[in-house]
PDB file of N, CA and C in Angstrom:
ATOM      1  N   MET A   1     -36.253 -26.234 -36.175  1.00  0.00           N
ATOM      2  CA  MET A   1     -37.057 -26.946 -35.212  1.00  0.00           C
ATOM      3  C   MET A   1     -36.265 -27.207 -33.942  1.00  0.00           C
ATOM      4  N   SER A   2     -34.974 -26.887 -33.915  1.00  0.00           N
ATOM      5  CA  SER A   2     -34.196 -27.188 -32.723  1.00  0.00           C
ATOM      6  C   SER A   2     -34.738 -26.403 -31.531  1.00  0.00           C
ATOM      7  N   GLY A   3     -34.623 -27.006 -30.346  1.00  0.00           N
ATOM      8  CA  GLY A   3     -35.067 -26.329 -29.148  1.00  0.00           C
ATOM      9  C   GLY A   3     -36.453 -26.733 -28.683  1.00  0.00           C
ATOM     10  N   ILE A   4     -37.206 -27.459 -29.503  1.00  0.00           N
ATOM     11  CA  ILE A   4     -38.510 -27.933 -29.041  1.00  0.00           C
ATOM     12  C   ILE A   4     -38.463 -29.447 -28.942  1.00  0.00           C
ATOM     13  N   ASP A   5     -39.250 -29.958 -28.029  1.00  0.00           N
ATOM     14  CA  ASP A   5     -39.222 -31.411 -27.846  1.00  0.00           C
ATOM     15  C   ASP A   5     -39.995 -32.104 -28.967  1.00  0.00           C
ATOM     16  N   ASP A   6     -39.780 -33.405 -29.058  1.00  0.00           N
ATOM     17  CA  ASP A   6     -40.399 -34.190 -30.132  1.00  0.00           C
ATOM     18  C   ASP A   6     -41.920 -34.153 -30.068  1.00  0.00           C
ATOM     19  N   LYS A   7     -42.474 -34.139 -28.857  1.00  0.00           N
ATOM     20  CA  LYS A   7     -43.933 -34.133 -28.715  1.00  0.00           C
ATOM     21  C   LYS A   7     -44.524 -32.851 -29.295  1.00  0.00           C
ATOM     22  N   LEU A   8     -43.936 -31.698 -28.963  1.00  0.00           N
ATOM     23  CA  LEU A   8     -44.447 -30.431 -29.494  1.00  0.00           C
ATOM     24  C   LEU A   8     -44.247 -30.372 -31.008  1.00  0.00           C
ATOM     25  N   ALA A   9     -43.105 -30.836 -31.497  1.00  0.00           N
ATOM     26  CA  ALA A   9     -42.855 -30.833 -32.937  1.00  0.00           C
ATOM     27  C   ALA A   9     -43.905 -31.677 -33.661  1.00  0.00           C
ATOM     28  N   LYS A  10     -44.251 -32.829 -33.089  1.00  0.00           N
ATOM     29  CA  LYS A  10     -45.284 -33.673 -33.697  1.00  0.00           C
ATOM     30  C   LYS A  10     -46.636 -32.972 -33.667  1.00  0.00           C
ATOM     31  N   GLN A  11     -46.978 -32.340 -32.557  1.00  0.00           N
ATOM     32  CA  GLN A  11     -48.250 -31.607 -32.462  1.00  0.00           C
ATOM     33  C   GLN A  11     -48.303 -30.495 -33.510  1.00  0.00           C
ATOM     34  N   GLN A  12     -47.170 -29.813 -33.716  1.00  0.00           N
ATOM     35  CA  GLN A  12     -47.128 -28.737 -34.707  1.00  0.00           C
ATOM     36  C   GLN A  12     -47.247 -29.288 -36.125  1.00  0.00           C
ATOM     37  N   ARG A  13     -46.576 -30.394 -36.408  1.00  0.00           N
ATOM     38  CA  ARG A  13     -46.722 -31.022 -37.736  1.00  0.00           C
ATOM     39  C   ARG A  13     -48.169 -31.458 -37.956  1.00  0.00           C
ATOM     40  N   ASP A  14     -48.787 -32.031 -36.921  1.00  0.00           N
ATOM     41  CA  ASP A  14     -50.176 -32.489 -37.028  1.00  0.00           C
ATOM     42  C   ASP A  14     -51.130 -31.316 -37.264  1.00  0.00           C
ATOM     43  N   ALA A  15     -50.929 -30.201 -36.571  1.00  0.00           N
ATOM     44  CA  ALA A  15     -51.784 -29.026 -36.772  1.00  0.00           C
ATOM     45  C   ALA A  15     -51.649 -28.524 -38.204  1.00  0.00           C
ATOM     46  N   CYS A  16     -50.435 -28.470 -38.715  1.00  0.00           N
ATOM     47  CA  CYS A  16     -50.227 -28.027 -40.096  1.00  0.00           C
ATOM     48  C   CYS A  16     -50.867 -29.005 -41.080  1.00  0.00           C
ATOM     49  N   ALA A  17     -50.803 -30.285 -40.788  1.00  0.00           N
ATOM     50  CA  ALA A  17     -51.445 -31.285 -41.658  1.00  0.00           C
ATOM     51  C   ALA A  17     -52.958 -31.075 -41.671  1.00  0.00           C
ATOM     52  N   ARG A  18     -53.553 -30.788 -40.500  1.00  0.00           N
ATOM     53  CA  ARG A  18     -55.002 -30.529 -40.456  1.00  0.00           C
ATOM     54  C   ARG A  18     -55.363 -29.293 -41.275  1.00  0.00           C
ATOM     55  N   ALA A  19     -54.436 -28.319 -41.344  1.00  0.00           N
ATOM     56  CA  ALA A  19     -54.663 -27.097 -42.118  1.00  0.00           C
ATOM     57  C   ALA A  19     -54.235 -27.266 -43.577  1.00  0.00           C
ATOM     58  N   ASN A  20     -53.670 -28.426 -43.909  1.00  0.00           N
ATOM     59  CA  ASN A  20     -53.203 -28.708 -45.269  1.00  0.00           C
ATOM     60  C   ASN A  20     -52.135 -27.704 -45.711  1.00  0.00           C
ATOM     61  N   THR A  21     -51.156 -27.468 -44.830  1.00  0.00           N
ATOM     62  CA  THR A  21     -50.045 -26.577 -45.154  1.00  0.00           C
ATOM     63  C   THR A  21     -48.758 -27.163 -44.579  1.00  0.00           C
ATOM     64  N   ASN A  22     -47.639 -26.696 -45.080  1.00  0.00           N
ATOM     65  CA  ASN A  22     -46.342 -27.156 -44.595  1.00  0.00           C
ATOM     66  C   ASN A  22     -45.913 -26.345 -43.379  1.00  0.00           C
ATOM     67  N   PRO A  23     -45.298 -26.991 -42.392  1.00  0.00           N
ATOM     68  CA  PRO A  23     -44.875 -26.255 -41.203  1.00  0.00           C
ATOM     69  C   PRO A  23     -43.724 -25.293 -41.480  1.00  0.00           C
ATOM     70  N   ALA A  24     -43.730 -24.204 -40.756  1.00  0.00           N
ATOM     71  CA  ALA A  24     -42.642 -23.223 -40.750  1.00  0.00           C
ATOM     72  C   ALA A  24     -42.235 -23.072 -39.290  1.00  0.00           C
ATOM     73  N   PHE A  25     -41.381 -23.996 -38.837  1.00  0.00           N
ATOM     74  CA  PHE A  25     -41.009 -24.065 -37.430  1.00  0.00           C
ATOM     75  C   PHE A  25     -40.248 -22.819 -36.979  1.00  0.00           C
ATOM     76  N   LEU A  26     -40.476 -22.450 -35.739  1.00  0.00           N
ATOM     77  CA  LEU A  26     -39.762 -21.338 -35.126  1.00  0.00           C
ATOM     78  C   LEU A  26     -38.459 -21.824 -34.514  1.00  0.00           C
ATOM     79  N   GLN A  27     -37.529 -20.914 -34.362  1.00  0.00           N
ATOM     80  CA  GLN A  27     -36.305 -21.161 -33.610  1.00  0.00           C
ATOM     81  C   GLN A  27     -36.531 -20.666 -32.182  1.00  0.00           C
ATOM     82  N   PRO A  28     -35.841 -21.226 -31.203  1.00  0.00           N
ATOM     83  CA  PRO A  28     -36.068 -20.827 -29.807  1.00  0.00           C
ATOM     84  C   PRO A  28     -35.929 -19.336 -29.557  1.00  0.00           C
ATOM     85  N   THR A  29     -35.041 -18.670 -30.285  1.00  0.00           N
ATOM     86  CA  THR A  29     -34.826 -17.238 -30.051  1.00  0.00           C
ATOM     87  C   THR A  29     -35.766 -16.339 -30.844  1.00  0.00           C
ATOM     88  N   ASP A  30     -36.609 -16.919 -31.691  1.00  0.00           N
ATOM     89  CA  ASP A  30     -37.595 -16.103 -32.409  1.00  0.00           C
ATOM     90  C   ASP A  30     -38.517 -15.435 -31.401  1.00  0.00           C
ATOM     91  N   ARG A  31     -38.922 -14.232 -31.735  1.00  0.00           N
ATOM     92  CA  ARG A  31     -39.740 -13.457 -30.814  1.00  0.00           C
ATOM     93  C   ARG A  31     -41.192 -13.428 -31.276  1.00  0.00           C
ATOM     94  N   ILE A  32     -42.078 -13.426 -30.294  1.00  0.00           N
ATOM     95  CA  ILE A  32     -43.521 -13.472 -30.516  1.00  0.00           C
ATOM     96  C   ILE A  32     -44.150 -12.292 -29.796  1.00  0.00           C
ATOM     97  N   ALA A  33     -45.079 -11.618 -30.453  1.00  0.00           N
ATOM     98  CA  ALA A  33     -45.833 -10.531 -29.818  1.00  0.00           C
ATOM     99  C   ALA A  33     -47.050 -11.152 -29.134  1.00  0.00           C
ATOM    100  N   ILE A  34     -47.185 -10.890 -27.852  1.00  0.00           N
ATOM    101  CA  ILE A  34     -48.281 -11.479 -27.084  1.00  0.00           C
ATOM    102  C   ILE A  34     -48.989 -10.368 -26.319  1.00  0.00           C
ATOM    103  N   GLY A  35     -50.311 -10.384 -26.351  1.00  0.00           N
ATOM    104  CA  GLY A  35     -51.098  -9.339 -25.705  1.00  0.00           C
ATOM    105  C   GLY A  35     -50.687  -9.144 -24.257  1.00  0.00           C
ATOM    106  N   ARG A  36     -50.550  -7.902 -23.844  1.00  0.00           N
ATOM    107  CA  ARG A  36     -50.056  -7.644 -22.481  1.00  0.00           C
ATOM    108  C   ARG A  36     -51.012  -8.134 -21.405  1.00  0.00           C
ATOM    109  N   ASP A  37     -52.289  -8.329 -21.758  1.00  0.00           N
ATOM    110  CA  ASP A  37     -53.248  -8.867 -20.786  1.00  0.00           C
ATOM    111  C   ASP A  37     -53.597 -10.321 -21.095  1.00  0.00           C
ATOM    112  N   PHE A  38     -52.682 -11.001 -21.821  1.00  0.00           N
ATOM    113  CA  PHE A  38     -52.939 -12.393 -22.204  1.00  0.00           C
ATOM    114  C   PHE A  38     -53.217 -13.234 -20.965  1.00  0.00           C
ATOM    115  N   ASP A  39     -54.256 -14.046 -21.075  1.00  0.00           N
ATOM    116  CA  ASP A  39     -54.626 -14.971 -20.000  1.00  0.00           C
ATOM    117  C   ASP A  39     -55.112 -16.246 -20.676  1.00  0.00           C
ATOM    118  N   VAL A  40     -54.386 -17.334 -20.464  1.00  0.00           N
ATOM    119  CA  VAL A  40     -54.695 -18.597 -21.136  1.00  0.00           C
ATOM    120  C   VAL A  40     -56.090 -19.100 -20.765  1.00  0.00           C
ATOM    121  N   THR A  41     -56.654 -18.618 -19.671  1.00  0.00           N
ATOM    122  CA  THR A  41     -57.999 -19.059 -19.277  1.00  0.00           C
ATOM    123  C   THR A  41     -59.096 -18.220 -19.926  1.00  0.00           C
ATOM    124  N   ARG A  42     -58.729 -17.108 -20.561  1.00  0.00           N
ATOM    125  CA  ARG A  42     -59.722 -16.271 -21.252  1.00  0.00           C
ATOM    126  C   ARG A  42     -59.749 -16.666 -22.724  1.00  0.00           C
ATOM    127  N   VAL A  43     -60.856 -17.199 -23.143  1.00  0.00           N
ATOM    128  CA  VAL A  43     -60.957 -17.723 -24.503  1.00  0.00           C
ATOM    129  C   VAL A  43     -61.858 -16.830 -25.352  1.00  0.00           C
ATOM    130  N   PRO A  44     -61.679 -16.914 -26.649  1.00  0.00           N
ATOM    131  CA  PRO A  44     -60.763 -17.799 -27.366  1.00  0.00           C
ATOM    132  C   PRO A  44     -59.326 -17.276 -27.327  1.00  0.00           C
ATOM    133  N   ILE A  45     -58.406 -18.168 -27.681  1.00  0.00           N
ATOM    134  CA  ILE A  45     -57.012 -17.783 -27.915  1.00  0.00           C
ATOM    135  C   ILE A  45     -56.894 -17.558 -29.416  1.00  0.00           C
ATOM    136  N   ASN A  46     -56.345 -16.411 -29.781  1.00  0.00           N
ATOM    137  CA  ASN A  46     -56.228 -16.004 -31.179  1.00  0.00           C
ATOM    138  C   ASN A  46     -54.763 -15.842 -31.558  1.00  0.00           C
ATOM    139  N   GLY A  47     -54.445 -16.186 -32.776  1.00  0.00           N
ATOM    140  CA  GLY A  47     -53.106 -15.955 -33.283  1.00  0.00           C
ATOM    141  C   GLY A  47     -53.143 -15.648 -34.761  1.00  0.00           C
ATOM    142  N   LEU A  48     -52.256 -14.771 -35.182  1.00  0.00           N
ATOM    143  CA  LEU A  48     -52.087 -14.480 -36.608  1.00  0.00           C
ATOM    144  C   LEU A  48     -50.609 -14.292 -36.864  1.00  0.00           C
ATOM    145  N   ARG A  49     -50.189 -14.712 -38.054  1.00  0.00           N
ATOM    146  CA  ARG A  49     -48.758 -14.650 -38.381  1.00  0.00           C
ATOM    147  C   ARG A  49     -48.517 -13.833 -39.637  1.00  0.00           C
ATOM    148  N   HIS A  50     -47.932 -12.647 -39.408  1.00  0.00           N
ATOM    149  CA  HIS A  50     -47.437 -11.820 -40.503  1.00  0.00           C
ATOM    150  C   HIS A  50     -46.129 -12.431 -41.003  1.00  0.00           C
ATOM    151  N   PRO A  51     -45.609 -11.973 -42.124  1.00  0.00           N
ATOM    152  CA  PRO A  51     -44.284 -12.446 -42.535  1.00  0.00           C
ATOM    153  C   PRO A  51     -43.249 -12.087 -41.456  1.00  0.00           C
ATOM    154  N   PRO A  52     -42.291 -12.976 -41.203  1.00  0.00           N
ATOM    155  CA  PRO A  52     -41.249 -12.664 -40.213  1.00  0.00           C
ATOM    156  C   PRO A  52     -40.452 -11.436 -40.633  1.00  0.00           C
ATOM    157  N   TYR A  53     -39.948 -10.719 -39.633  1.00  0.00           N
ATOM    158  CA  TYR A  53     -39.088  -9.558 -39.897  1.00  0.00           C
ATOM    159  C   TYR A  53     -38.097  -9.440 -38.745  1.00  0.00           C
ATOM    160  N   GLY A  54     -36.824  -9.252 -39.092  1.00  0.00           N
ATOM    161  CA  GLY A  54     -35.784  -9.211 -38.064  1.00  0.00           C
ATOM    162  C   GLY A  54     -35.816 -10.497 -37.254  1.00  0.00           C
ATOM    163  N   ASP A  55     -35.822 -10.343 -35.920  1.00  0.00           N
ATOM    164  CA  ASP A  55     -35.906 -11.528 -35.064  1.00  0.00           C
ATOM    165  C   ASP A  55     -37.349 -11.816 -34.640  1.00  0.00           C
ATOM    166  N   MET A  56     -38.286 -11.102 -35.227  1.00  0.00           N
ATOM    167  CA  MET A  56     -39.708 -11.324 -34.934  1.00  0.00           C
ATOM    168  C   MET A  56     -40.245 -12.432 -35.843  1.00  0.00           C
ATOM    169  N   SER A  57     -40.974 -13.345 -35.239  1.00  0.00           N
ATOM    170  CA  SER A  57     -41.524 -14.491 -35.966  1.00  0.00           C
ATOM    171  C   SER A  57     -42.715 -14.116 -36.836  1.00  0.00           C
ATOM    172  N   GLY A  58     -43.309 -12.958 -36.563  1.00  0.00           N
ATOM    173  CA  GLY A  58     -44.524 -12.548 -37.252  1.00  0.00           C
ATOM    174  C   GLY A  58     -45.783 -12.873 -36.462  1.00  0.00           C
ATOM    175  N   TRP A  59     -45.654 -13.692 -35.396  1.00  0.00           N
ATOM    176  CA  TRP A  59     -46.824 -14.088 -34.613  1.00  0.00           C
ATOM    177  C   TRP A  59     -47.284 -12.981 -33.678  1.00  0.00           C
ATOM    178  N   ASN A  60     -48.607 -12.779 -33.661  1.00  0.00           N
ATOM    179  CA  ASN A  60     -49.297 -11.946 -32.674  1.00  0.00           C
ATOM    180  C   ASN A  60     -50.331 -12.855 -32.022  1.00  0.00           C
ATOM    181  N   ILE A  61     -50.301 -12.933 -30.700  1.00  0.00           N
ATOM    182  CA  ILE A  61     -51.178 -13.819 -29.942  1.00  0.00           C
ATOM    183  C   ILE A  61     -51.930 -12.978 -28.913  1.00  0.00           C
ATOM    184  N   TRP A  62     -53.238 -13.223 -28.775  1.00  0.00           N
ATOM    185  CA  TRP A  62     -54.020 -12.553 -27.740  1.00  0.00           C
ATOM    186  C   TRP A  62     -55.144 -13.463 -27.286  1.00  0.00           C
ATOM    187  N   SER A  63     -55.706 -13.137 -26.137  1.00  0.00           N
ATOM    188  CA  SER A  63     -56.818 -13.919 -25.604  1.00  0.00           C
ATOM    189  C   SER A  63     -58.055 -13.040 -25.530  1.00  0.00           C
ATOM    190  N   GLY A  64     -59.203 -13.688 -25.627  1.00  0.00           N
ATOM    191  CA  GLY A  64     -60.461 -12.963 -25.579  1.00  0.00           C
ATOM    192  C   GLY A  64     -61.017 -12.705 -26.961  1.00  0.00           C
ATOM    193  N   GLU A  65     -62.181 -12.108 -26.981  1.00  0.00           N
ATOM    194  CA  GLU A  65     -62.905 -11.920 -28.236  1.00  0.00           C
ATOM    195  C   GLU A  65     -62.450 -10.718 -29.054  1.00  0.00           C
ATOM    196  N   THR A  66     -61.823  -9.728 -28.404  1.00  0.00           N
ATOM    197  CA  THR A  66     -61.515  -8.478 -29.085  1.00  0.00           C
ATOM    198  C   THR A  66     -60.017  -8.192 -29.052  1.00  0.00           C
ATOM    199  N   LEU A  67     -59.469  -7.814 -30.194  1.00  0.00           N
ATOM    200  CA  LEU A  67     -58.083  -7.396 -30.295  1.00  0.00           C
ATOM    201  C   LEU A  67     -58.011  -5.899 -30.027  1.00  0.00           C
ATOM    202  N   SER A  68     -57.198  -5.517 -29.067  1.00  0.00           N
ATOM    203  CA  SER A  68     -57.031  -4.102 -28.735  1.00  0.00           C
ATOM    204  C   SER A  68     -56.410  -3.353 -29.909  1.00  0.00           C
ATOM    205  N   ASP A  69     -56.804  -2.092 -30.100  1.00  0.00           N
ATOM    206  CA  ASP A  69     -56.183  -1.258 -31.137  1.00  0.00           C
ATOM    207  C   ASP A  69     -55.099  -0.355 -30.548  1.00  0.00           C
ATOM    208  N   ASP A  70     -54.771  -0.545 -29.269  1.00  0.00           N
ATOM    209  CA  ASP A  70     -53.694   0.195 -28.608  1.00  0.00           C
ATOM    210  C   ASP A  70     -52.370  -0.205 -29.242  1.00  0.00           C
ATOM    211  N   PRO A  71     -51.602   0.763 -29.813  1.00  0.00           N
ATOM    212  CA  PRO A  71     -50.346   0.412 -30.474  1.00  0.00           C
ATOM    213  C   PRO A  71     -49.317  -0.226 -29.522  1.00  0.00           C
ATOM    214  N   GLY A  72     -49.468  -0.041 -28.221  1.00  0.00           N
ATOM    215  CA  GLY A  72     -48.556  -0.644 -27.260  1.00  0.00           C
ATOM    216  C   GLY A  72     -49.112  -1.899 -26.616  1.00  0.00           C
ATOM    217  N   TYR A  73     -50.101  -2.504 -27.244  1.00  0.00           N
ATOM    218  CA  TYR A  73     -50.802  -3.637 -26.652  1.00  0.00           C
ATOM    219  C   TYR A  73     -49.949  -4.887 -26.510  1.00  0.00           C
ATOM    220  N   PHE A  74     -49.044  -5.115 -27.420  1.00  0.00           N
ATOM    221  CA  PHE A  74     -48.284  -6.364 -27.424  1.00  0.00           C
ATOM    222  C   PHE A  74     -46.950  -6.219 -26.696  1.00  0.00           C
ATOM    223  N   ASN A  75     -46.626  -7.250 -25.908  1.00  0.00           N
ATOM    224  CA  ASN A  75     -45.297  -7.432 -25.335  1.00  0.00           C
ATOM    225  C   ASN A  75     -44.583  -8.460 -26.196  1.00  0.00           C
ATOM    226  N   VAL A  76     -43.280  -8.465 -26.143  1.00  0.00           N
ATOM    227  CA  VAL A  76     -42.500  -9.400 -26.946  1.00  0.00           C
ATOM    228  C   VAL A  76     -41.861 -10.430 -26.023  1.00  0.00           C
ATOM    229  N   MET A  77     -41.992 -11.700 -26.414  1.00  0.00           N
ATOM    230  CA  MET A  77     -41.388 -12.806 -25.669  1.00  0.00           C
ATOM    231  C   MET A  77     -40.636 -13.703 -26.643  1.00  0.00           C
ATOM    232  N   CYS A  78     -39.575 -14.312 -26.162  1.00  0.00           N
ATOM    233  CA  CYS A  78     -38.876 -15.315 -26.964  1.00  0.00           C
ATOM    234  C   CYS A  78     -39.680 -16.612 -26.932  1.00  0.00           C
ATOM    235  N   TYR A  79     -39.721 -17.261 -28.057  1.00  0.00           N
ATOM    236  CA  TYR A  79     -40.424 -18.537 -28.186  1.00  0.00           C
ATOM    237  C   TYR A  79     -39.979 -19.530 -27.121  1.00  0.00           C
ATOM    238  N   GLU A  80     -38.680 -19.580 -26.830  1.00  0.00           N
ATOM    239  CA  GLU A  80     -38.179 -20.559 -25.862  1.00  0.00           C
ATOM    240  C   GLU A  80     -38.818 -20.378 -24.488  1.00  0.00           C
ATOM    241  N   HIS A  81     -39.208 -19.181 -24.126  1.00  0.00           N
ATOM    242  CA  HIS A  81     -39.861 -18.954 -22.833  1.00  0.00           C
ATOM    243  C   HIS A  81     -41.315 -19.419 -22.858  1.00  0.00           C
ATOM    244  N   LEU A  82     -41.933 -19.375 -24.013  1.00  0.00           N
ATOM    245  CA  LEU A  82     -43.305 -19.879 -24.139  1.00  0.00           C
ATOM    246  C   LEU A  82     -43.333 -21.406 -24.120  1.00  0.00           C
ATOM    247  N   ILE A  83     -42.330 -22.034 -24.723  1.00  0.00           N
ATOM    248  CA  ILE A  83     -42.278 -23.493 -24.775  1.00  0.00           C
ATOM    249  C   ILE A  83     -42.367 -24.081 -23.370  1.00  0.00           C
ATOM    250  N   ASP A  84     -41.696 -23.445 -22.436  1.00  0.00           N
ATOM    251  CA  ASP A  84     -41.669 -23.943 -21.056  1.00  0.00           C
ATOM    252  C   ASP A  84     -43.062 -23.991 -20.424  1.00  0.00           C
ATOM    253  N   LYS A  85     -43.974 -23.164 -20.900  1.00  0.00           N
ATOM    254  CA  LYS A  85     -45.317 -23.102 -20.313  1.00  0.00           C
ATOM    255  C   LYS A  85     -46.204 -24.269 -20.751  1.00  0.00           C
ATOM    256  N   ARG A  86     -45.846 -24.910 -21.870  1.00  0.00           N
ATOM    257  CA  ARG A  86     -46.577 -26.092 -22.361  1.00  0.00           C
ATOM    258  C   ARG A  86     -48.054 -25.817 -22.639  1.00  0.00           C
ATOM    259  N   TRP A  87     -48.374 -24.608 -23.051  1.00  0.00           N
ATOM    260  CA  TRP A  87     -49.754 -24.281 -23.396  1.00  0.00           C
ATOM    261  C   TRP A  87     -50.167 -25.046 -24.646  1.00  0.00           C
ATOM    262  N   GLU A  88     -51.401 -25.494 -24.670  1.00  0.00           N
ATOM    263  CA  GLU A  88     -51.898 -26.305 -25.775  1.00  0.00           C
ATOM    264  C   GLU A  88     -51.857 -25.569 -27.110  1.00  0.00           C
ATOM    265  N   TRP A  89     -52.066 -24.275 -27.108  1.00  0.00           N
ATOM    266  CA  TRP A  89     -52.111 -23.519 -28.360  1.00  0.00           C
ATOM    267  C   TRP A  89     -50.737 -23.387 -29.028  1.00  0.00           C
ATOM    268  N   LEU A  90     -49.675 -23.775 -28.354  1.00  0.00           N
ATOM    269  CA  LEU A  90     -48.346 -23.726 -28.974  1.00  0.00           C
ATOM    270  C   LEU A  90     -48.277 -24.629 -30.209  1.00  0.00           C
ATOM    271  N   GLN A  91     -49.184 -25.600 -30.290  1.00  0.00           N
ATOM    272  CA  GLN A  91     -49.195 -26.498 -31.446  1.00  0.00           C
ATOM    273  C   GLN A  91     -49.431 -25.755 -32.762  1.00  0.00           C
ATOM    274  N   TYR A  92     -49.971 -24.557 -32.729  1.00  0.00           N
ATOM    275  CA  TYR A  92     -50.287 -23.814 -33.952  1.00  0.00           C
ATOM    276  C   TYR A  92     -49.134 -22.934 -34.436  1.00  0.00           C
ATOM    277  N   LEU A  93     -48.070 -22.821 -33.665  1.00  0.00           N
ATOM    278  CA  LEU A  93     -47.025 -21.849 -33.989  1.00  0.00           C
ATOM    279  C   LEU A  93     -46.087 -22.276 -35.103  1.00  0.00           C
ATOM    280  N   ALA A  94     -46.327 -23.422 -35.736  1.00  0.00           N
ATOM    281  CA  ALA A  94     -45.570 -23.775 -36.947  1.00  0.00           C
ATOM    282  C   ALA A  94     -46.366 -23.438 -38.208  1.00  0.00           C
ATOM    283  N   LEU A  95     -47.585 -22.921 -38.040  1.00  0.00           N
ATOM    284  CA  LEU A  95     -48.318 -22.461 -39.227  1.00  0.00           C
ATOM    285  C   LEU A  95     -47.500 -21.345 -39.880  1.00  0.00           C
ATOM    286  N   PRO A  96     -47.386 -21.341 -41.197  1.00  0.00           N
ATOM    287  CA  PRO A  96     -46.556 -20.336 -41.853  1.00  0.00           C
ATOM    288  C   PRO A  96     -47.217 -18.961 -41.888  1.00  0.00           C
ATOM    289  N   ALA A  97     -46.431 -17.989 -42.334  1.00  0.00           N
ATOM    290  CA  ALA A  97     -46.936 -16.623 -42.482  1.00  0.00           C
ATOM    291  C   ALA A  97     -48.210 -16.641 -43.320  1.00  0.00           C
ATOM    292  N   GLY A  98     -49.155 -15.808 -42.933  1.00  0.00           N
ATOM    293  CA  GLY A  98     -50.431 -15.718 -43.625  1.00  0.00           C
ATOM    294  C   GLY A  98     -51.526 -16.534 -42.962  1.00  0.00           C
ATOM    295  N   TRP A  99     -51.175 -17.283 -41.942  1.00  0.00           N
ATOM    296  CA  TRP A  99     -52.156 -18.140 -41.269  1.00  0.00           C
ATOM    297  C   TRP A  99     -52.623 -17.533 -39.962  1.00  0.00           C
ATOM    298  N   ARG A 100     -53.838 -17.890 -39.598  1.00  0.00           N
ATOM    299  CA  ARG A 100     -54.460 -17.483 -38.341  1.00  0.00           C
ATOM    300  C   ARG A 100     -55.016 -18.719 -37.652  1.00  0.00           C
ATOM    301  N   PHE A 101     -55.206 -18.608 -36.350  1.00  0.00           N
ATOM    302  CA  PHE A 101     -55.917 -19.650 -35.617  1.00  0.00           C
ATOM    303  C   PHE A 101     -56.786 -19.010 -34.545  1.00  0.00           C
ATOM    304  N   LEU A 102     -57.822 -19.730 -34.179  1.00  0.00           N
ATOM    305  CA  LEU A 102     -58.705 -19.359 -33.083  1.00  0.00           C
ATOM    306  C   LEU A 102     -59.108 -20.660 -32.413  1.00  0.00           C
ATOM    307  N   VAL A 103     -58.831 -20.761 -31.107  1.00  0.00           N
ATOM    308  CA  VAL A 103     -59.141 -21.989 -30.379  1.00  0.00           C
ATOM    309  C   VAL A 103     -59.821 -21.670 -29.058  1.00  0.00           C
ATOM    310  N   ALA A 104     -60.690 -22.572 -28.677  1.00  0.00           N
ATOM    311  CA  ALA A 104     -61.396 -22.527 -27.397  1.00  0.00           C
ATOM    312  C   ALA A 104     -61.683 -23.986 -27.039  1.00  0.00           C
ATOM    313  N   PRO A 105     -62.082 -24.252 -25.811  1.00  0.00           N
ATOM    314  CA  PRO A 105     -62.368 -25.646 -25.465  1.00  0.00           C
ATOM    315  C   PRO A 105     -63.357 -26.284 -26.451  1.00  0.00           C
ATOM    316  N   GLY A 106     -62.935 -27.378 -27.079  1.00  0.00           N
ATOM    317  CA  GLY A 106     -63.782 -28.087 -28.025  1.00  0.00           C
ATOM    318  C   GLY A 106     -63.913 -27.432 -29.388  1.00  0.00           C
ATOM    319  N   TYR A 107     -63.106 -26.378 -29.660  1.00  0.00           N
ATOM    320  CA  TYR A 107     -63.218 -25.657 -30.931  1.00  0.00           C
ATOM    321  C   TYR A 107     -61.825 -25.325 -31.455  1.00  0.00           C
ATOM    322  N   GLU A 108     -61.636 -25.525 -32.761  1.00  0.00           N
ATOM    323  CA  GLU A 108     -60.380 -25.195 -33.430  1.00  0.00           C
ATOM    324  C   GLU A 108     -60.699 -24.667 -34.817  1.00  0.00           C
ATOM    325  N   ASP A 109     -60.073 -23.554 -35.173  1.00  0.00           N
ATOM    326  CA  ASP A 109     -60.196 -23.032 -36.530  1.00  0.00           C
ATOM    327  C   ASP A 109     -58.836 -22.508 -36.949  1.00  0.00           C
ATOM    328  N   MET A 110     -58.416 -22.865 -38.169  1.00  0.00           N
ATOM    329  CA  MET A 110     -57.179 -22.377 -38.767  1.00  0.00           C
ATOM    330  C   MET A 110     -57.520 -21.971 -40.194  1.00  0.00           C
ATOM    331  N   TRP A 111     -57.047 -20.803 -40.615  1.00  0.00           N
ATOM    332  CA  TRP A 111     -57.338 -20.370 -41.974  1.00  0.00           C
ATOM    333  C   TRP A 111     -56.246 -19.443 -42.477  1.00  0.00           C
ATOM    334  N   PHE A 112     -56.118 -19.425 -43.805  1.00  0.00           N
ATOM    335  CA  PHE A 112     -55.147 -18.551 -44.468  1.00  0.00           C
ATOM    336  C   PHE A 112     -55.802 -17.203 -44.711  1.00  0.00           C
ATOM    337  N   ASP A 113     -55.057 -16.136 -44.469  1.00  0.00           N
ATOM    338  CA  ASP A 113     -55.554 -14.760 -44.631  1.00  0.00           C
ATOM    339  C   ASP A 113     -54.515 -13.950 -45.406  1.00  0.00           C
ATOM    340  N   GLN A 114     -54.727 -13.784 -46.696  1.00  0.00           N
ATOM    341  CA  GLN A 114     -53.789 -13.054 -47.569  1.00  0.00           C
ATOM    342  C   GLN A 114     -53.513 -11.647 -47.051  1.00  0.00           C
ATOM    343  N   ALA A 115     -54.479 -11.041 -46.367  1.00  0.00           N
ATOM    344  CA  ALA A 115     -54.310  -9.669 -45.872  1.00  0.00           C
ATOM    345  C   ALA A 115     -53.148  -9.539 -44.883  1.00  0.00           C
ATOM    346  N   LEU A 116     -52.713 -10.636 -44.306  1.00  0.00           N
ATOM    347  CA  LEU A 116     -51.604 -10.570 -43.354  1.00  0.00           C
ATOM    348  C   LEU A 116     -50.278 -10.233 -44.026  1.00  0.00           C
ATOM    349  N   PHE A 117     -50.246 -10.285 -45.340  1.00  0.00           N
ATOM    350  CA  PHE A 117     -49.046  -9.891 -46.073  1.00  0.00           C
ATOM    351  C   PHE A 117     -49.034  -8.398 -46.397  1.00  0.00           C
ATOM    352  N   ASP A 118     -50.136  -7.718 -46.138  1.00  0.00           N
ATOM    353  CA  ASP A 118     -50.252  -6.285 -46.401  1.00  0.00           C
ATOM    354  C   ASP A 118     -49.981  -5.522 -45.108  1.00  0.00           C
ATOM    355  N   LEU A 119     -48.706  -5.292 -44.829  1.00  0.00           N
ATOM    356  CA  LEU A 119     -48.331  -4.616 -43.593  1.00  0.00           C
ATOM    357  C   LEU A 119     -48.447  -3.121 -43.722  1.00  0.00           C
TER     358      LEU A 119
END
């Protein structure tokens, strides 16, 4: 959990509590795959977490209704660079592997998806 402020850590613990799961906090240097056309104003914001591998956290994040099937769709960013942006959806990034989220103004959904373990 080092590298994130207390407010974000509390938000992440609270999100995991709402999902009835234990948090799996990221380290600042963990890497996240984020859609190359990601736009925080284009909703919904979607995230899914595969099991971590190497320095990758397992997170894939994109905006909008449709996930591109382009194999080069995702760019990689370090978590510490995302923290600086203070985006509201960062509260979901302590959900453990196998979890997904979808958020839009006034809407939140978090669910476990066993298929995320089938890489």
